[in-house]
């Protein structure tokens, strides 16, 4: 059971889709990434290759994996997508950036063991939030809020800017970045379908077909339909998987109890009554005990 839990997909579909849109090393993804950066910062960069992707992959750093990270014009930007409100994002961001800066220094042949000041890109940490908890359009999450003792203002600070991209939030930003708007449209469609009572698979299938008809994300839903379906169903499959694991855990406890009772001389009939089972089920469970005895 432990092997299943460890290998089963853990990332939710909103996160996987966000990275598929903005975090891949393809020309289309580069253009969308640049469009999102410009929309956030009020800039007008035109060369998608000006953004140097440096996302941490968990192949190297087993405990570190972020959504989209890149360098542009002496700025190191990290985009994270979150489906749940998490006040610990500043601390997570600090840990991510520590690894990113380590990679940057190594790549550029810089060392901290020198008398001159080492210059590094300035950080920008943006969390795109689309969970169910009601939140303002923008929230500044600060590392100092986690300190057990207060410090003087401005000392040892690290900030995560959380931007709410749920429907009816930050609409001006979404209008400036069409791929972000299309992403929100799609995940909102799935959410609305679920709320209307659709089964998980039907909710996803309908949303994908709906996105294809509207040519969202320049036809990505049509071109990569199976991949989108797969990543979109991961979250719902995981919920079902966890329920199965809980049920399996209860079943294992029942089996263990039945065998223990039988080994201590309790009759099959009494075990069946106590554990809400049939005598035939109990006999099958304790078969090994009977054979051994």
Protein backbone atom coordinates (compact mmCIF):
# COMPACT_ATOMS: atom_id res chain seq x y z
CA UNK A 1 0.00 0.00 0.00
CA UNK A 2 2.86 2.40 0.81
CA UNK A 3 4.26 1.94 -2.69
CA UNK A 4 0.93 2.90 -4.20
CA UNK A 5 0.69 6.03 -2.09
CA UNK A 6 4.21 7.12 -2.99
CA UNK A 7 3.84 6.60 -6.74
CA UNK A 8 0.30 7.90 -7.17
CA UNK A 9 0.06 11.39 -8.74
CA UNK A 10 -0.14 14.04 -6.03
CA UNK A 11 -0.30 17.32 -7.96
CA UNK A 12 -3.74 18.71 -8.63
CA UNK A 13 -4.85 19.31 -12.18
CA UNK A 14 -4.95 23.13 -11.84
CA UNK A 15 -1.27 23.15 -10.98
CA UNK A 16 -0.31 20.71 -13.74
CA UNK A 17 -2.28 22.64 -16.35
CA UNK A 18 -0.82 25.97 -15.20
CA UNK A 19 2.70 24.63 -15.68
CA UNK A 20 1.76 23.04 -19.02
CA UNK A 21 0.65 26.46 -20.24
CA UNK A 22 3.33 28.73 -18.80
CA UNK A 23 6.23 26.48 -17.83
CA UNK A 24 7.27 24.48 -20.86
CA UNK A 25 10.27 25.07 -23.07
CA UNK A 26 8.21 25.43 -26.25
CA UNK A 27 7.76 28.51 -28.41
CA UNK A 28 4.07 28.77 -27.56
CA UNK A 29 4.71 28.46 -23.83
CA UNK A 30 7.50 31.04 -24.04
CA UNK A 31 5.10 33.51 -25.66
CA UNK A 32 2.41 32.89 -23.04
CA UNK A 33 4.97 33.22 -20.24
CA UNK A 34 6.14 36.55 -21.61
CA UNK A 35 2.54 37.74 -21.98
CA UNK A 36 1.82 36.91 -18.34
CA UNK A 37 5.00 38.63 -17.17
CA UNK A 38 4.19 41.78 -19.15
CA UNK A 39 0.62 41.83 -17.85
CA UNK A 40 1.82 41.58 -14.24
CA UNK A 41 4.62 44.10 -14.45
CA UNK A 42 3.31 46.62 -16.95
CA UNK A 43 6.24 45.91 -19.25
CA UNK A 44 6.29 45.44 -23.01
CA UNK A 45 9.01 42.92 -23.72
CA UNK A 46 8.64 41.35 -27.15
CA UNK A 47 11.30 38.61 -27.29
CA UNK A 48 10.08 35.37 -25.66
CA UNK A 49 13.67 34.08 -25.57
CA UNK A 50 14.57 36.95 -23.24
CA UNK A 51 13.01 34.84 -20.45
CA UNK A 52 15.53 32.23 -19.39
CA UNK A 53 13.65 29.30 -17.85
CA UNK A 54 15.33 27.95 -14.71
CA UNK A 55 12.56 25.92 -13.08
CA UNK A 56 13.73 23.50 -10.40
CA UNK A 57 12.81 19.93 -11.25
CA UNK A 58 12.50 17.29 -8.56
CA UNK A 59 14.76 14.95 -10.52
CA UNK A 60 17.67 16.86 -8.97
CA UNK A 61 16.14 18.44 -5.87
CA UNK A 62 13.83 15.79 -4.46
CA UNK A 63 12.23 18.17 -1.95
CA UNK A 64 12.06 21.20 -4.21
CA UNK A 65 9.85 21.68 -7.21
CA UNK A 66 8.25 24.92 -8.29
CA UNK A 67 5.81 25.74 -11.05
CA UNK A 68 7.53 28.30 -13.29
CA UNK A 69 10.78 30.12 -12.65
CA UNK A 70 12.75 32.29 -15.05
CA UNK A 71 15.27 35.13 -15.37
CA UNK A 72 14.73 38.33 -17.30
CA UNK A 73 16.54 41.66 -17.18
CA UNK A 74 18.32 41.00 -13.84
CA UNK A 75 15.12 39.77 -12.19
CA UNK A 76 14.45 36.23 -10.96
CA UNK A 77 10.73 35.47 -11.09
CA UNK A 78 8.89 32.56 -9.56
CA UNK A 79 5.25 31.81 -10.43
CA UNK A 80 3.38 29.35 -8.22
CA UNK A 81 -0.20 28.16 -8.62
CA UNK A 82 -2.13 27.29 -5.46
CA UNK A 83 -5.58 25.71 -5.13
CA UNK A 84 -5.56 26.10 -1.36
CA UNK A 85 -4.82 29.14 0.76
CA UNK A 86 -1.37 28.65 2.25
CA UNK A 87 0.12 31.28 4.59
CA UNK A 88 3.45 29.42 4.49
CA UNK A 89 4.21 30.45 0.92
CA UNK A 90 6.83 33.05 1.97
CA UNK A 91 8.85 30.37 3.76
CA UNK A 92 8.45 27.99 0.83
CA UNK A 93 9.51 30.77 -1.52
CA UNK A 94 12.58 31.50 0.57
CA UNK A 95 13.60 27.86 0.33
CA UNK A 96 12.95 27.76 -3.42
CA UNK A 97 14.95 30.91 -4.06
CA UNK A 98 17.85 29.65 -1.97
CA UNK A 99 18.17 26.77 -4.44
CA UNK A 100 17.60 29.02 -7.44
CA UNK A 101 20.32 31.42 -6.33
CA UNK A 102 22.67 28.54 -5.64
CA UNK A 103 22.12 27.33 -9.21
CA UNK A 104 22.59 30.87 -10.53
CA UNK A 105 25.90 31.39 -8.70
CA UNK A 106 27.23 28.03 -9.83
CA UNK A 107 26.22 28.57 -13.45
CA UNK A 108 27.82 32.02 -13.57
CA UNK A 109 31.00 31.01 -11.77
CA UNK A 110 30.36 33.29 -8.81
CA UNK A 111 31.44 32.54 -5.27
CA UNK A 112 30.52 34.10 -1.93
CA UNK A 113 34.08 33.70 -0.65
CA UNK A 114 35.36 37.04 -1.91
CA UNK A 115 35.80 40.54 -0.57
CA UNK A 116 33.71 42.24 -3.27
CA UNK A 117 29.91 42.26 -3.17
CA UNK A 118 28.29 39.55 -5.27
CA UNK A 119 25.37 40.90 -7.30
CA UNK A 120 22.32 38.69 -7.87
CA UNK A 121 19.00 39.13 -9.73
CA UNK A 122 16.25 40.71 -7.63
CA UNK A 123 13.45 38.28 -6.69
CA UNK A 124 9.78 38.36 -7.63
CA UNK A 125 7.53 35.73 -6.07
CA UNK A 126 3.92 35.57 -7.32
CA UNK A 127 1.35 33.03 -6.18
CA UNK A 128 -1.70 32.59 -8.41
CA UNK A 129 -4.55 31.49 -6.17
CA UNK A 130 -7.76 29.82 -7.40
CA UNK A 131 -9.03 27.93 -4.36
CA UNK A 132 -12.44 27.93 -2.70
CA UNK A 133 -11.55 30.14 0.28
CA UNK A 134 -12.69 33.73 -0.25
CA UNK A 135 -9.70 36.05 -0.58
CA UNK A 136 -9.10 39.64 -1.71
CA UNK A 137 -7.75 40.35 -5.18
CA UNK A 138 -4.21 40.68 -3.82
CA UNK A 139 -2.67 39.55 -0.55
CA UNK A 140 0.87 40.22 0.67
CA UNK A 141 2.09 37.20 2.61
CA UNK A 142 5.15 37.99 4.71
CA UNK A 143 7.77 35.74 6.22
CA UNK A 144 7.84 37.85 9.40
CA UNK A 145 4.29 36.69 10.20
CA UNK A 146 5.82 33.26 10.88
CA UNK A 147 8.41 34.48 13.37
CA UNK A 148 7.83 33.32 16.93
CA UNK A 149 9.20 36.64 18.15
CA UNK A 150 8.65 40.00 16.42
CA UNK A 151 11.55 41.73 14.68
CA UNK A 152 12.14 45.33 13.71
CA UNK A 153 10.22 46.28 10.54
CA UNK A 154 12.09 45.43 7.39
CA UNK A 155 14.54 42.97 8.90
CA UNK A 156 14.69 39.43 7.55
CA UNK A 157 11.61 39.89 5.38
CA UNK A 158 10.44 37.80 2.45
CA UNK A 159 7.22 38.41 0.61
CA UNK A 160 4.90 36.32 -1.52
CA UNK A 161 2.34 38.28 -3.52
CA UNK A 162 -0.80 36.17 -3.76
CA UNK A 163 -3.06 37.11 -6.67
CA UNK A 164 -6.61 35.78 -6.72
CA UNK A 165 -7.46 34.57 -10.23
CA UNK A 166 -10.86 33.12 -9.45
CA UNK A 167 -13.79 34.26 -11.54
CA UNK A 168 -14.64 37.96 -10.96
CA UNK A 169 -11.21 38.66 -9.43
CA UNK A 170 -8.37 40.62 -11.08
CA UNK A 171 -10.33 40.87 -14.30
CA UNK A 172 -8.07 43.60 -15.69
CA UNK A 173 -5.06 41.32 -15.35
CA UNK A 174 -6.88 38.47 -17.07
CA UNK A 175 -7.90 40.76 -19.93
CA UNK A 176 -4.24 41.69 -20.42
CA UNK A 177 -3.21 38.03 -20.56
CA UNK A 178 -5.46 35.91 -22.75
CA UNK A 179 -3.85 32.54 -21.83
CA UNK A 180 -4.42 33.25 -18.13
CA UNK A 181 -8.03 34.18 -18.87
CA UNK A 182 -8.55 30.98 -20.87
CA UNK A 183 -7.01 28.93 -18.06
CA UNK A 184 -9.42 30.48 -15.56
CA UNK A 185 -12.36 29.89 -17.91
CA UNK A 186 -11.54 26.20 -18.17
CA UNK A 187 -11.02 25.44 -14.48
CA UNK A 188 -14.13 27.48 -13.65
CA UNK A 189 -16.13 25.42 -16.15
CA UNK A 190 -15.09 22.19 -14.42
CA UNK A 191 -15.95 23.64 -11.03
CA UNK A 192 -19.38 24.80 -12.23
CA UNK A 193 -20.05 21.39 -13.79
CA UNK A 194 -19.25 19.65 -10.52
CA UNK A 195 -21.48 22.02 -8.58
CA UNK A 196 -24.32 21.24 -10.98
CA UNK A 197 -24.07 17.57 -10.01
CA UNK A 198 -22.09 16.14 -12.93
CA UNK A 199 -19.89 13.11 -12.20
CA UNK A 200 -16.18 13.93 -12.30
CA UNK A 201 -15.42 12.44 -15.71
CA UNK A 202 -18.46 14.02 -17.32
CA UNK A 203 -17.56 17.40 -15.78
CA UNK A 204 -14.08 17.24 -17.29
CA UNK A 205 -15.18 15.85 -20.68
CA UNK A 206 -17.77 18.60 -21.07
CA UNK A 207 -15.28 21.31 -20.08
CA UNK A 208 -12.68 20.06 -22.57
CA UNK A 209 -15.21 19.90 -25.41
CA UNK A 210 -16.43 23.36 -24.45
CA UNK A 211 -12.85 24.69 -24.53
CA UNK A 212 -12.23 23.07 -27.91
CA UNK A 213 -15.31 24.71 -29.44
CA UNK A 214 -14.10 28.10 -28.24
CA UNK A 215 -10.52 27.46 -29.36
CA UNK A 216 -9.16 28.33 -25.93
CA UNK A 217 -5.37 28.56 -25.65
CA UNK A 218 -4.90 28.58 -29.41
CA UNK A 219 -6.31 25.09 -29.83
CA UNK A 220 -4.25 23.44 -27.06
CA UNK A 221 -7.31 21.55 -25.82
CA UNK A 222 -7.86 20.02 -29.24
CA UNK A 223 -4.21 19.33 -30.03
CA UNK A 224 -3.44 17.81 -26.62
CA UNK A 225 -6.91 16.61 -25.63
CA UNK A 226 -5.83 13.31 -24.09
CA UNK A 227 -3.08 14.92 -22.03
CA UNK A 228 -5.45 17.61 -20.76
CA UNK A 229 -8.07 15.00 -19.91
CA UNK A 230 -5.47 12.96 -18.05
CA UNK A 231 -4.16 15.84 -15.96
CA UNK A 232 -7.66 17.18 -15.31
CA UNK A 233 -8.89 13.85 -13.97
CA UNK A 234 -5.88 13.36 -11.69
CA UNK A 235 -7.39 15.34 -8.83
CA UNK A 236 -10.68 13.48 -8.95
CA UNK A 237 -8.97 10.11 -9.35
CA UNK A 238 -6.82 10.96 -6.35
CA UNK A 239 -9.89 11.71 -4.23
CA UNK A 240 -11.35 8.32 -5.19
CA UNK A 241 -7.99 6.68 -4.57
CA UNK A 242 -7.79 8.13 -1.06
CA UNK A 243 -11.31 6.91 -0.31
CA UNK A 244 -10.30 3.45 -1.52
CA UNK A 245 -7.23 3.53 0.70
CA UNK A 246 -9.34 4.47 3.72
CA UNK A 247 -11.78 1.66 2.92
CA UNK A 248 -8.90 -0.75 2.39
CA UNK A 249 -7.49 0.30 5.75
CA UNK A 250 -10.78 -0.50 7.44
CA UNK A 251 -10.94 -3.85 5.65
CA UNK A 252 -7.45 -4.75 6.81
CA UNK A 253 -8.39 -3.88 10.39
CA UNK A 254 -11.49 -6.08 10.13
CA UNK A 255 -9.45 -8.99 8.77
CA UNK A 256 -6.90 -8.58 11.54
CA UNK A 257 -9.61 -8.51 14.21
CA UNK A 258 -11.37 -11.58 12.79
CA UNK A 259 -8.19 -13.63 12.75
CA UNK A 260 -7.23 -12.47 16.24
CA UNK A 261 -10.67 -13.39 17.65
CA UNK A 262 -10.56 -16.80 15.97
CA UNK A 263 -7.05 -17.53 17.22
CA UNK A 264 -8.31 -16.81 20.74
CA UNK A 265 -11.13 -19.31 20.47
CA UNK A 266 -14.05 -17.08 19.51
CA UNK A 267 -16.60 -18.90 17.34
CA UNK A 268 -17.09 -18.06 13.68
CA UNK A 269 -20.73 -17.19 14.32
CA UNK A 270 -19.87 -14.71 17.10
CA UNK A 271 -17.09 -13.11 15.04
CA UNK A 272 -19.51 -12.66 12.13
CA UNK A 273 -22.08 -11.01 14.37
CA UNK A 274 -19.54 -8.74 16.06
CA UNK A 275 -17.93 -7.54 12.83
CA UNK A 276 -21.14 -7.32 10.77
CA UNK A 277 -20.09 -10.12 8.43
CA UNK A 278 -21.47 -13.45 7.23
CA UNK A 279 -20.07 -16.72 8.63
CA UNK A 280 -18.86 -17.58 5.12
CA UNK A 281 -16.84 -14.35 4.96
CA UNK A 282 -15.29 -15.07 8.35
CA UNK A 283 -14.40 -18.63 7.31
CA UNK A 284 -12.65 -17.31 4.21
CA UNK A 285 -10.70 -14.75 6.24
CA UNK A 286 -9.58 -17.19 8.92
CA UNK A 287 -8.78 -19.96 6.44
CA UNK A 288 -5.03 -19.54 6.97
CA UNK A 289 -5.52 -19.75 10.74
CA UNK A 290 -7.57 -22.93 10.33
CA UNK A 291 -4.93 -24.49 8.09
CA UNK A 292 -2.12 -23.55 10.46
CA UNK A 293 -4.07 -24.86 13.42
